[in-house]
Amino acid sequence: MHAIIDIGCNLSSPRLMKHLPQVLESARTAGVIAQILTGTDTQSNESSLALANEYHDLYSTIGFHPHHADQWQPHSHRTLHIAAAKEARVVAVGEMGLDYFRHLAGIANQQRCFADQLAIAAQVQKPVFLHERQAFADFRAILSEYLPHISGGVWHCFTGTGEQLEWAVEAGLYIGITGWIADPERGKTLRDIAKYIPADRLMIESDAPYLTPKTLQPTPRLNEPQYLPEVLRVLAECRQEDIGALAAITTANAKTFFRLPRDA
């Protein structure tokens, strides 16, 4: 068993909350020593922060996912800014970004919501937790304006191309790898380019309850942080690296990026 950190878990999802004690215990037993809970809207921000304040091994991001960008208002901006600045258990701003795949929010609202959150992150000097899907050109343009002013960023659930990976690395971003890499069809490109991610920019995440690693047989119906070791295993296989060494570097990266206690 290797000590690993789940940098992206939607623990406030009702699908996980209904079994919360079991989910947490199973994760710890599997070697998950800390979890970063993802804030995506007002409700999940509040729930994730409450959990982070209750459990020593949980931390939270706080942000608005592009799917919820139509809800973004000046009041949201102020509330997010205050929480991000004052709450010690909030370790990043986001999930933020652009998603032109599902079109669950207007493009103009997505761009405004993204830029506003980047400005907040620059002001409070906390790193950003990024989302991009089929919106790379606009994502790059907006993010590039703020990159000199923010304290760092991780491209959550990276599913992009080799060229996009090259840009992200040159821009100084970290790369988050999920169970997508274990998908026989959708994950092929990611498996091919995973070896090009610099070791000191690499982190792993479950994105639970979504993206169950399909290499698990039988494949669980519900993804949980306890299955993060499978993401690590597949990633190590793709990179032809020792799994223990990869666990150590991804854990160290997470502690550095999110400014977690060294004994976390």
C-alpha atoms as a PDB file:
ATOM      1  CA  MET A   1       0.000   0.000   0.000  1.00  0.00           C
ATOM      2  CA  HIS A   2       1.275   3.444  -0.968  1.00  0.00           C
ATOM      3  CA  ALA A   3       0.461   6.796   0.641  1.00  0.00           C
ATOM      4  CA  ILE A   4      -1.401   8.862  -1.954  1.00  0.00           C
ATOM      5  CA  ILE A   5      -3.460  12.065  -2.084  1.00  0.00           C
ATOM      6  CA  ASP A   6      -6.734  12.411  -3.971  1.00  0.00           C
ATOM      7  CA  ILE A   7      -6.629  15.961  -5.328  1.00  0.00           C
ATOM      8  CA  GLY A   8     -10.176  15.926  -6.699  1.00  0.00           C
ATOM      9  CA  CYS A   9     -13.136  14.214  -5.064  1.00  0.00           C
ATOM     10  CA  ASN A  10     -16.791  15.275  -5.165  1.00  0.00           C
ATOM     11  CA  LEU A  11     -17.411  13.992  -1.657  1.00  0.00           C
ATOM     12  CA  SER A  12     -20.387  16.293  -1.160  1.00  0.00           C
ATOM     13  CA  SER A  13     -22.291  14.325  -3.805  1.00  0.00           C
ATOM     14  CA  PRO A  14     -25.375  12.679  -2.255  1.00  0.00           C
ATOM     15  CA  ARG A  15     -24.212   9.396  -3.776  1.00  0.00           C
ATOM     16  CA  LEU A  16     -21.156   9.471  -1.500  1.00  0.00           C
ATOM     17  CA  MET A  17     -22.571  11.372   1.454  1.00  0.00           C
ATOM     18  CA  LYS A  18     -25.137   8.665   2.170  1.00  0.00           C
ATOM     19  CA  HIS A  19     -22.239   6.296   2.976  1.00  0.00           C
ATOM     20  CA  LEU A  20     -19.748   8.896   4.224  1.00  0.00           C
ATOM     21  CA  PRO A  21     -18.177   7.001   7.173  1.00  0.00           C
ATOM     22  CA  GLN A  22     -17.633   3.919   5.022  1.00  0.00           C
ATOM     23  CA  VAL A  23     -16.282   5.970   2.103  1.00  0.00           C
ATOM     24  CA  LEU A  24     -13.743   7.716   4.336  1.00  0.00           C
ATOM     25  CA  GLU A  25     -12.647   4.545   6.099  1.00  0.00           C
ATOM     26  CA  SER A  26     -12.262   2.620   2.834  1.00  0.00           C
ATOM     27  CA  ALA A  27     -10.158   5.426   1.384  1.00  0.00           C
ATOM     28  CA  ARG A  28      -7.850   5.532   4.388  1.00  0.00           C
ATOM     29  CA  THR A  29      -7.480   1.750   4.323  1.00  0.00           C
ATOM     30  CA  ALA A  30      -6.480   1.997   0.643  1.00  0.00           C
ATOM     31  CA  GLY A  31      -3.689   4.456   1.483  1.00  0.00           C
ATOM     32  CA  VAL A  32      -5.424   7.753   0.678  1.00  0.00           C
ATOM     33  CA  ILE A  33      -3.913  10.032   3.312  1.00  0.00           C
ATOM     34  CA  ALA A  34      -5.713  13.233   2.257  1.00  0.00           C
ATOM     35  CA  GLN A  35      -8.515  14.335  -0.042  1.00  0.00           C
ATOM     36  CA  ILE A  36      -9.161  17.671  -1.711  1.00  0.00           C
ATOM     37  CA  LEU A  37     -12.926  18.106  -2.000  1.00  0.00           C
ATOM     38  CA  THR A  38     -14.108  19.918  -5.102  1.00  0.00           C
ATOM     39  CA  GLY A  39     -16.387  22.937  -4.819  1.00  0.00           C
ATOM     40  CA  THR A  40     -18.489  23.507  -7.930  1.00  0.00           C
ATOM     41  CA  ASP A  41     -21.438  25.678  -6.848  1.00  0.00           C
ATOM     42  CA  THR A  42     -22.842  27.356  -3.752  1.00  0.00           C
ATOM     43  CA  GLN A  43     -24.140  24.144  -2.189  1.00  0.00           C
ATOM     44  CA  SER A  44     -21.064  22.013  -2.813  1.00  0.00           C
ATOM     45  CA  ASN A  45     -18.786  24.846  -1.669  1.00  0.00           C
ATOM     46  CA  GLU A  46     -20.586  24.984   1.666  1.00  0.00           C
ATOM     47  CA  SER A  47     -20.765  21.197   2.065  1.00  0.00           C
ATOM     48  CA  SER A  48     -17.148  20.595   1.081  1.00  0.00           C
ATOM     49  CA  LEU A  49     -15.849  23.276   3.421  1.00  0.00           C
ATOM     50  CA  ALA A  50     -17.965  21.923   6.279  1.00  0.00           C
ATOM     51  CA  LEU A  51     -16.498  18.451   5.750  1.00  0.00           C
ATOM     52  CA  ALA A  52     -12.978  19.860   5.557  1.00  0.00           C
ATOM     53  CA  ASN A  53     -13.492  21.648   8.853  1.00  0.00           C
ATOM     54  CA  GLU A  54     -14.742  18.429  10.444  1.00  0.00           C
ATOM     55  CA  TYR A  55     -12.138  15.889   9.277  1.00  0.00           C
ATOM     56  CA  HIS A  56      -8.392  16.332   9.635  1.00  0.00           C
ATOM     57  CA  ASP A  57      -7.534  14.646   6.322  1.00  0.00           C
ATOM     58  CA  LEU A  58      -9.998  16.596   4.175  1.00  0.00           C
ATOM     59  CA  TYR A  59      -9.430  19.949   2.483  1.00  0.00           C
ATOM     60  CA  SER A  60     -11.595  21.942   0.101  1.00  0.00           C
ATOM     61  CA  THR A  61     -11.568  24.017  -3.021  1.00  0.00           C
ATOM     62  CA  ILE A  62     -14.212  26.675  -3.512  1.00  0.00           C
ATOM     63  CA  GLY A  63     -15.459  27.725  -6.912  1.00  0.00           C
ATOM     64  CA  PHE A  64     -18.047  27.681  -9.677  1.00  0.00           C
ATOM     65  CA  HIS A  65     -17.900  24.963 -12.340  1.00  0.00           C
ATOM     66  CA  PRO A  66     -18.592  26.246 -15.872  1.00  0.00           C
ATOM     67  CA  HIS A  67     -21.814  24.219 -15.883  1.00  0.00           C
ATOM     68  CA  HIS A  68     -23.100  26.599 -13.192  1.00  0.00           C
ATOM     69  CA  ALA A  69     -21.777  29.819 -14.707  1.00  0.00           C
ATOM     70  CA  ASP A  70     -25.269  31.154 -15.395  1.00  0.00           C
ATOM     71  CA  GLN A  71     -25.714  31.350 -11.609  1.00  0.00           C
ATOM     72  CA  TRP A  72     -22.616  33.518 -11.180  1.00  0.00           C
ATOM     73  CA  GLN A  73     -23.558  36.925  -9.783  1.00  0.00           C
ATOM     74  CA  PRO A  74     -21.753  39.770  -7.991  1.00  0.00           C
ATOM     75  CA  HIS A  75     -22.912  38.257  -4.692  1.00  0.00           C
ATOM     76  CA  SER A  76     -21.283  34.959  -5.686  1.00  0.00           C
ATOM     77  CA  HIS A  77     -18.081  36.842  -6.437  1.00  0.00           C
ATOM     78  CA  ARG A  78     -17.966  38.522  -3.034  1.00  0.00           C
ATOM     79  CA  THR A  79     -18.851  35.358  -1.112  1.00  0.00           C
ATOM     80  CA  LEU A  80     -16.235  33.300  -2.924  1.00  0.00           C
ATOM     81  CA  HIS A  81     -13.573  35.944  -2.427  1.00  0.00           C
ATOM     82  CA  ILE A  82     -14.149  36.163   1.312  1.00  0.00           C
ATOM     83  CA  ALA A  83     -14.185  32.393   1.805  1.00  0.00           C
ATOM     84  CA  ALA A  84     -11.110  31.826  -0.330  1.00  0.00           C
ATOM     85  CA  ALA A  85      -9.201  34.518   1.507  1.00  0.00           C
ATOM     86  CA  LYS A  86     -10.146  33.628   5.077  1.00  0.00           C
ATOM     87  CA  GLU A  87     -10.719  29.885   5.300  1.00  0.00           C
ATOM     88  CA  ALA A  88      -7.581  27.937   6.149  1.00  0.00           C
ATOM     89  CA  ARG A  89      -9.079  24.666   4.890  1.00  0.00           C
ATOM     90  CA  VAL A  90      -9.710  26.163   1.445  1.00  0.00           C
ATOM     91  CA  VAL A  91      -6.571  25.273  -0.490  1.00  0.00           C
ATOM     92  CA  ALA A  92      -7.524  26.354  -4.027  1.00  0.00           C
ATOM     93  CA  VAL A  93     -10.032  28.383  -6.028  1.00  0.00           C
ATOM     94  CA  GLY A  94     -12.157  26.346  -8.434  1.00  0.00           C
ATOM     95  CA  GLU A  95     -13.362  24.184 -10.029  1.00  0.00           C
ATOM     96  CA  MET A  96     -13.318  26.831 -12.722  1.00  0.00           C
ATOM     97  CA  GLY A  97     -12.888  26.942 -16.453  1.00  0.00           C
ATOM     98  CA  LEU A  98     -14.762  26.421 -19.706  1.00  0.00           C
ATOM     99  CA  ASP A  99     -16.896  23.552 -20.996  1.00  0.00           C
ATOM    100  CA  TYR A 100     -18.238  23.807 -24.540  1.00  0.00           C
ATOM    101  CA  PHE A 101     -19.096  20.093 -24.677  1.00  0.00           C
ATOM    102  CA  ARG A 102     -22.364  20.078 -22.755  1.00  0.00           C
ATOM    103  CA  HIS A 103     -23.313  23.768 -23.104  1.00  0.00           C
ATOM    104  CA  LEU A 104     -25.058  23.796 -19.723  1.00  0.00           C
ATOM    105  CA  ALA A 105     -24.269  27.509 -19.399  1.00  0.00           C
ATOM    106  CA  GLY A 106     -23.870  30.303 -21.907  1.00  0.00           C
ATOM    107  CA  ILE A 107     -20.395  30.814 -23.330  1.00  0.00           C
ATOM    108  CA  ALA A 108     -20.236  34.494 -22.364  1.00  0.00           C
ATOM    109  CA  ASN A 109     -21.255  33.669 -18.796  1.00  0.00           C
ATOM    110  CA  GLN A 110     -18.693  30.870 -18.629  1.00  0.00           C
ATOM    111  CA  GLN A 111     -15.936  33.218 -19.731  1.00  0.00           C
ATOM    112  CA  ARG A 112     -16.953  35.921 -17.253  1.00  0.00           C
ATOM    113  CA  CYS A 113     -17.226  33.416 -14.400  1.00  0.00           C
ATOM    114  CA  PHE A 114     -13.802  31.980 -15.276  1.00  0.00           C
ATOM    115  CA  ALA A 115     -12.089  35.363 -15.465  1.00  0.00           C
ATOM    116  CA  ASP A 116     -13.688  36.584 -12.241  1.00  0.00           C
ATOM    117  CA  GLN A 117     -12.477  33.513 -10.347  1.00  0.00           C
ATOM    118  CA  LEU A 118      -8.970  33.870 -11.751  1.00  0.00           C
ATOM    119  CA  ALA A 119      -8.980  37.450 -10.471  1.00  0.00           C
ATOM    120  CA  ILE A 120     -10.043  36.219  -7.027  1.00  0.00           C
ATOM    121  CA  ALA A 121      -7.261  33.633  -7.023  1.00  0.00           C
ATOM    122  CA  ALA A 122      -4.745  36.315  -7.931  1.00  0.00           C
ATOM    123  CA  GLN A 123      -5.946  38.519  -5.094  1.00  0.00           C
ATOM    124  CA  VAL A 124      -5.929  35.838  -2.392  1.00  0.00           C
ATOM    125  CA  GLN A 125      -2.856  34.043  -3.799  1.00  0.00           C
ATOM    126  CA  LYS A 126      -4.287  30.555  -3.747  1.00  0.00           C
ATOM    127  CA  PRO A 127      -3.799  28.178  -6.693  1.00  0.00           C
ATOM    128  CA  VAL A 128      -6.520  27.362  -9.207  1.00  0.00           C
ATOM    129  CA  PHE A 129      -8.298  24.077  -9.968  1.00  0.00           C
ATOM    130  CA  LEU A 130      -9.028  24.111 -13.685  1.00  0.00           C
ATOM    131  CA  HIS A 131     -11.593  22.501 -15.997  1.00  0.00           C
ATOM    132  CA  GLU A 132     -11.516  22.499 -19.797  1.00  0.00           C
ATOM    133  CA  ARG A 133     -13.521  20.531 -22.317  1.00  0.00           C
ATOM    134  CA  GLN A 134     -13.633  21.340 -26.027  1.00  0.00           C
ATOM    135  CA  ALA A 135     -12.820  24.973 -25.261  1.00  0.00           C
ATOM    136  CA  PHE A 136      -9.038  25.046 -25.414  1.00  0.00           C
ATOM    137  CA  ALA A 137      -8.498  28.208 -27.466  1.00  0.00           C
ATOM    138  CA  ASP A 138     -10.627  30.382 -25.189  1.00  0.00           C
ATOM    139  CA  PHE A 139      -9.365  28.569 -22.082  1.00  0.00           C
ATOM    140  CA  ARG A 140      -5.765  29.307 -23.035  1.00  0.00           C
ATOM    141  CA  ALA A 141      -6.480  32.927 -23.935  1.00  0.00           C
ATOM    142  CA  ILE A 142      -8.271  33.757 -20.686  1.00  0.00           C
ATOM    143  CA  LEU A 143      -5.930  31.797 -18.437  1.00  0.00           C
ATOM    144  CA  SER A 144      -2.796  33.225 -20.066  1.00  0.00           C
ATOM    145  CA  GLU A 145      -3.834  36.735 -19.052  1.00  0.00           C
ATOM    146  CA  TYR A 146      -3.828  35.736 -15.381  1.00  0.00           C
ATOM    147  CA  LEU A 147      -0.967  33.225 -15.263  1.00  0.00           C
ATOM    148  CA  PRO A 148       1.635  35.841 -14.263  1.00  0.00           C
ATOM    149  CA  HIS A 149      -0.514  36.819 -11.270  1.00  0.00           C
ATOM    150  CA  ILE A 150      -1.745  33.518  -9.783  1.00  0.00           C
ATOM    151  CA  SER A 151       0.209  31.215  -7.485  1.00  0.00           C
ATOM    152  CA  GLY A 152      -0.207  28.113  -9.645  1.00  0.00           C
ATOM    153  CA  GLY A 153      -2.748  25.945 -11.394  1.00  0.00           C
ATOM    154  CA  VAL A 154      -3.641  22.306 -11.934  1.00  0.00           C
ATOM    155  CA  TRP A 155      -5.487  21.143 -15.035  1.00  0.00           C
ATOM    156  CA  HIS A 156      -8.002  18.836 -13.379  1.00  0.00           C
ATOM    157  CA  CYS A 157      -8.941  15.591 -15.167  1.00  0.00           C
ATOM    158  CA  PHE A 158      -6.667  16.259 -18.121  1.00  0.00           C
ATOM    159  CA  THR A 159      -8.023  14.646 -21.307  1.00  0.00           C
ATOM    160  CA  GLY A 160      -6.356  16.835 -23.913  1.00  0.00           C
ATOM    161  CA  THR A 161      -3.971  16.315 -26.796  1.00  0.00           C
ATOM    162  CA  GLY A 162      -0.199  16.152 -26.850  1.00  0.00           C
ATOM    163  CA  GLU A 163      -0.035  19.731 -28.103  1.00  0.00           C
ATOM    164  CA  GLN A 164      -2.295  20.923 -25.297  1.00  0.00           C
ATOM    165  CA  LEU A 165      -0.175  19.057 -22.772  1.00  0.00           C
ATOM    166  CA  GLU A 166       2.948  20.703 -24.150  1.00  0.00           C
ATOM    167  CA  TRP A 167       1.378  24.145 -23.747  1.00  0.00           C
ATOM    168  CA  ALA A 168       0.211  23.362 -20.206  1.00  0.00           C
ATOM    169  CA  VAL A 169       3.661  22.221 -19.127  1.00  0.00           C
ATOM    170  CA  GLU A 170       5.322  25.264 -20.684  1.00  0.00           C
ATOM    171  CA  ALA A 171       2.763  27.448 -18.895  1.00  0.00           C
ATOM    172  CA  GLY A 172       3.759  25.930 -15.558  1.00  0.00           C
ATOM    173  CA  LEU A 173       0.554  24.014 -14.899  1.00  0.00           C
ATOM    174  CA  TYR A 174       0.280  20.772 -12.971  1.00  0.00           C
ATOM    175  CA  ILE A 175      -1.641  17.893 -14.538  1.00  0.00           C
ATOM    176  CA  GLY A 176      -4.342  15.890 -12.741  1.00  0.00           C
ATOM    177  CA  ILE A 177      -4.908  12.299 -13.886  1.00  0.00           C
ATOM    178  CA  THR A 178      -8.192  10.478 -13.207  1.00  0.00           C
ATOM    179  CA  GLY A 179      -9.741   7.138 -14.088  1.00  0.00           C
ATOM    180  CA  TRP A 180     -10.093   8.446 -17.646  1.00  0.00           C
ATOM    181  CA  ILE A 181      -6.646   6.931 -18.227  1.00  0.00           C
ATOM    182  CA  ALA A 182      -8.103   3.484 -17.535  1.00  0.00           C
ATOM    183  CA  ASP A 183     -10.884   3.794 -20.114  1.00  0.00           C
ATOM    184  CA  PRO A 184     -10.054   1.405 -22.995  1.00  0.00           C
ATOM    185  CA  GLU A 185     -11.450   3.739 -25.665  1.00  0.00           C
ATOM    186  CA  ARG A 186     -11.571   7.315 -24.375  1.00  0.00           C
ATOM    187  CA  GLY A 187      -8.280   7.041 -22.509  1.00  0.00           C
ATOM    188  CA  LYS A 188      -6.049   5.920 -25.373  1.00  0.00           C
ATOM    189  CA  THR A 189      -4.565   9.334 -26.157  1.00  0.00           C
ATOM    190  CA  LEU A 190      -3.917  10.025 -22.495  1.00  0.00           C
ATOM    191  CA  ARG A 191      -2.186   6.669 -22.051  1.00  0.00           C
ATOM    192  CA  ASP A 192       0.027   7.446 -25.044  1.00  0.00           C
ATOM    193  CA  ILE A 193       1.127  10.882 -23.821  1.00  0.00           C
ATOM    194  CA  ALA A 194       1.224  10.277 -20.057  1.00  0.00           C
ATOM    195  CA  LYS A 195       4.942   9.541 -20.208  1.00  0.00           C
ATOM    196  CA  TYR A 196       5.594  13.102 -21.374  1.00  0.00           C
ATOM    197  CA  ILE A 197       4.198  14.716 -18.230  1.00  0.00           C
ATOM    198  CA  PRO A 198       7.126  15.873 -16.070  1.00  0.00           C
ATOM    199  CA  ALA A 199       7.150  13.932 -12.819  1.00  0.00           C
ATOM    200  CA  ASP A 200       7.233  17.111 -10.761  1.00  0.00           C
ATOM    201  CA  ARG A 201       3.977  18.332 -12.383  1.00  0.00           C
ATOM    202  CA  LEU A 202       1.919  15.180 -11.904  1.00  0.00           C
ATOM    203  CA  MET A 203      -0.947  14.533  -9.479  1.00  0.00           C
ATOM    204  CA  ILE A 204      -3.731  11.940  -9.256  1.00  0.00           C
ATOM    205  CA  GLU A 205      -7.430  12.224  -8.469  1.00  0.00           C
ATOM    206  CA  SER A 206     -10.504  10.037  -8.287  1.00  0.00           C
ATOM    207  CA  ASP A 207     -13.145  12.582  -9.400  1.00  0.00           C
ATOM    208  CA  ALA A 208     -15.485  10.310  -7.430  1.00  0.00           C
ATOM    209  CA  PRO A 209     -18.306   9.446  -7.796  1.00  0.00           C
ATOM    210  CA  TYR A 210     -17.468   9.774 -11.504  1.00  0.00           C
ATOM    211  CA  LEU A 211     -14.842   8.161 -13.763  1.00  0.00           C
ATOM    212  CA  THR A 212     -14.537   4.738 -12.160  1.00  0.00           C
ATOM    213  CA  PRO A 213     -11.356   3.072 -13.493  1.00  0.00           C
ATOM    214  CA  LYS A 214     -12.683   0.531 -15.983  1.00  0.00           C
ATOM    215  CA  THR A 215      -9.659  -1.681 -15.485  1.00  0.00           C
ATOM    216  CA  LEU A 216     -11.153  -2.704 -12.143  1.00  0.00           C
ATOM    217  CA  GLN A 217     -12.932  -6.031 -12.615  1.00  0.00           C
ATOM    218  CA  PRO A 218     -15.702  -6.251 -11.824  1.00  0.00           C
ATOM    219  CA  THR A 219     -16.037  -2.511 -12.345  1.00  0.00           C
ATOM    220  CA  PRO A 220     -17.761  -0.908  -9.319  1.00  0.00           C
ATOM    221  CA  ARG A 221     -20.991   0.917 -10.082  1.00  0.00           C
ATOM    222  CA  LEU A 222     -19.912   3.892  -7.969  1.00  0.00           C
ATOM    223  CA  ASN A 223     -16.447   5.394  -7.969  1.00  0.00           C
ATOM    224  CA  GLU A 224     -14.880   6.155  -4.583  1.00  0.00           C
ATOM    225  CA  PRO A 225     -11.512   7.497  -3.417  1.00  0.00           C
ATOM    226  CA  GLN A 226     -10.591   3.953  -2.345  1.00  0.00           C
ATOM    227  CA  TYR A 227     -10.095   3.119  -6.046  1.00  0.00           C
ATOM    228  CA  LEU A 228      -7.447   5.800  -6.571  1.00  0.00           C
ATOM    229  CA  PRO A 229      -4.641   3.195  -6.327  1.00  0.00           C
ATOM    230  CA  GLU A 230      -5.890   1.792  -9.643  1.00  0.00           C
ATOM    231  CA  VAL A 231      -5.353   5.172 -11.308  1.00  0.00           C
ATOM    232  CA  LEU A 232      -1.843   5.156  -9.869  1.00  0.00           C
ATOM    233  CA  ARG A 233      -1.222   1.618 -11.138  1.00  0.00           C
ATOM    234  CA  VAL A 234      -2.342   2.341 -14.696  1.00  0.00           C
ATOM    235  CA  LEU A 235      -0.395   5.607 -14.766  1.00  0.00           C
ATOM    236  CA  ALA A 236       2.773   3.881 -13.564  1.00  0.00           C
ATOM    237  CA  GLU A 237       2.310   1.224 -16.239  1.00  0.00           C
ATOM    238  CA  CYS A 238       1.927   3.854 -18.968  1.00  0.00           C
ATOM    239  CA  ARG A 239       5.022   5.685 -17.793  1.00  0.00           C
ATOM    240  CA  GLN A 240       6.961   2.459 -17.151  1.00  0.00           C
ATOM    241  CA  GLU A 241       7.829   3.705 -13.686  1.00  0.00           C
ATOM    242  CA  ASP A 242       7.994   2.120 -10.268  1.00  0.00           C
ATOM    243  CA  ILE A 243       4.603   2.504  -8.629  1.00  0.00           C
ATOM    244  CA  GLY A 244       6.080   3.337  -5.227  1.00  0.00           C
ATOM    245  CA  ALA A 245       8.246   6.093  -6.651  1.00  0.00           C
ATOM    246  CA  LEU A 246       5.301   7.498  -8.589  1.00  0.00           C
ATOM    247  CA  ALA A 247       3.132   7.476  -5.468  1.00  0.00           C
ATOM    248  CA  ALA A 248       5.825   9.357  -3.576  1.00  0.00           C
ATOM    249  CA  ILE A 249       6.269  12.075  -6.186  1.00  0.00           C
ATOM    250  CA  THR A 250       2.547  12.653  -6.786  1.00  0.00           C
ATOM    251  CA  THR A 251       1.987  12.892  -3.041  1.00  0.00           C
ATOM    252  CA  ALA A 252       4.880  15.322  -2.632  1.00  0.00           C
ATOM    253  CA  ASN A 253       3.562  17.391  -5.537  1.00  0.00           C
ATOM    254  CA  ALA A 254       0.104  17.608  -3.963  1.00  0.00           C
ATOM    255  CA  LYS A 255       1.533  18.714  -0.635  1.00  0.00           C
ATOM    256  CA  THR A 256       3.602  21.390  -2.328  1.00  0.00           C
ATOM    257  CA  PHE A 257       0.921  22.648  -4.703  1.00  0.00           C
ATOM    258  CA  PHE A 258      -1.885  22.847  -2.134  1.00  0.00           C
ATOM    259  CA  ARG A 259       0.476  23.895   0.699  1.00  0.00           C
ATOM    260  CA  LEU A 260      -0.617  20.985   2.856  1.00  0.00           C
ATOM    261  CA  PRO A 261       1.122  20.159   6.131  1.00  0.00           C
ATOM    262  CA  ARG A 262       4.189  18.026   5.484  1.00  0.00           C
ATOM    263  CA  ASP A 263       2.793  15.378   7.839  1.00  0.00           C
ATOM    264  CA  ALA A 264      -0.599  15.321   6.047  1.00  0.00           C
END
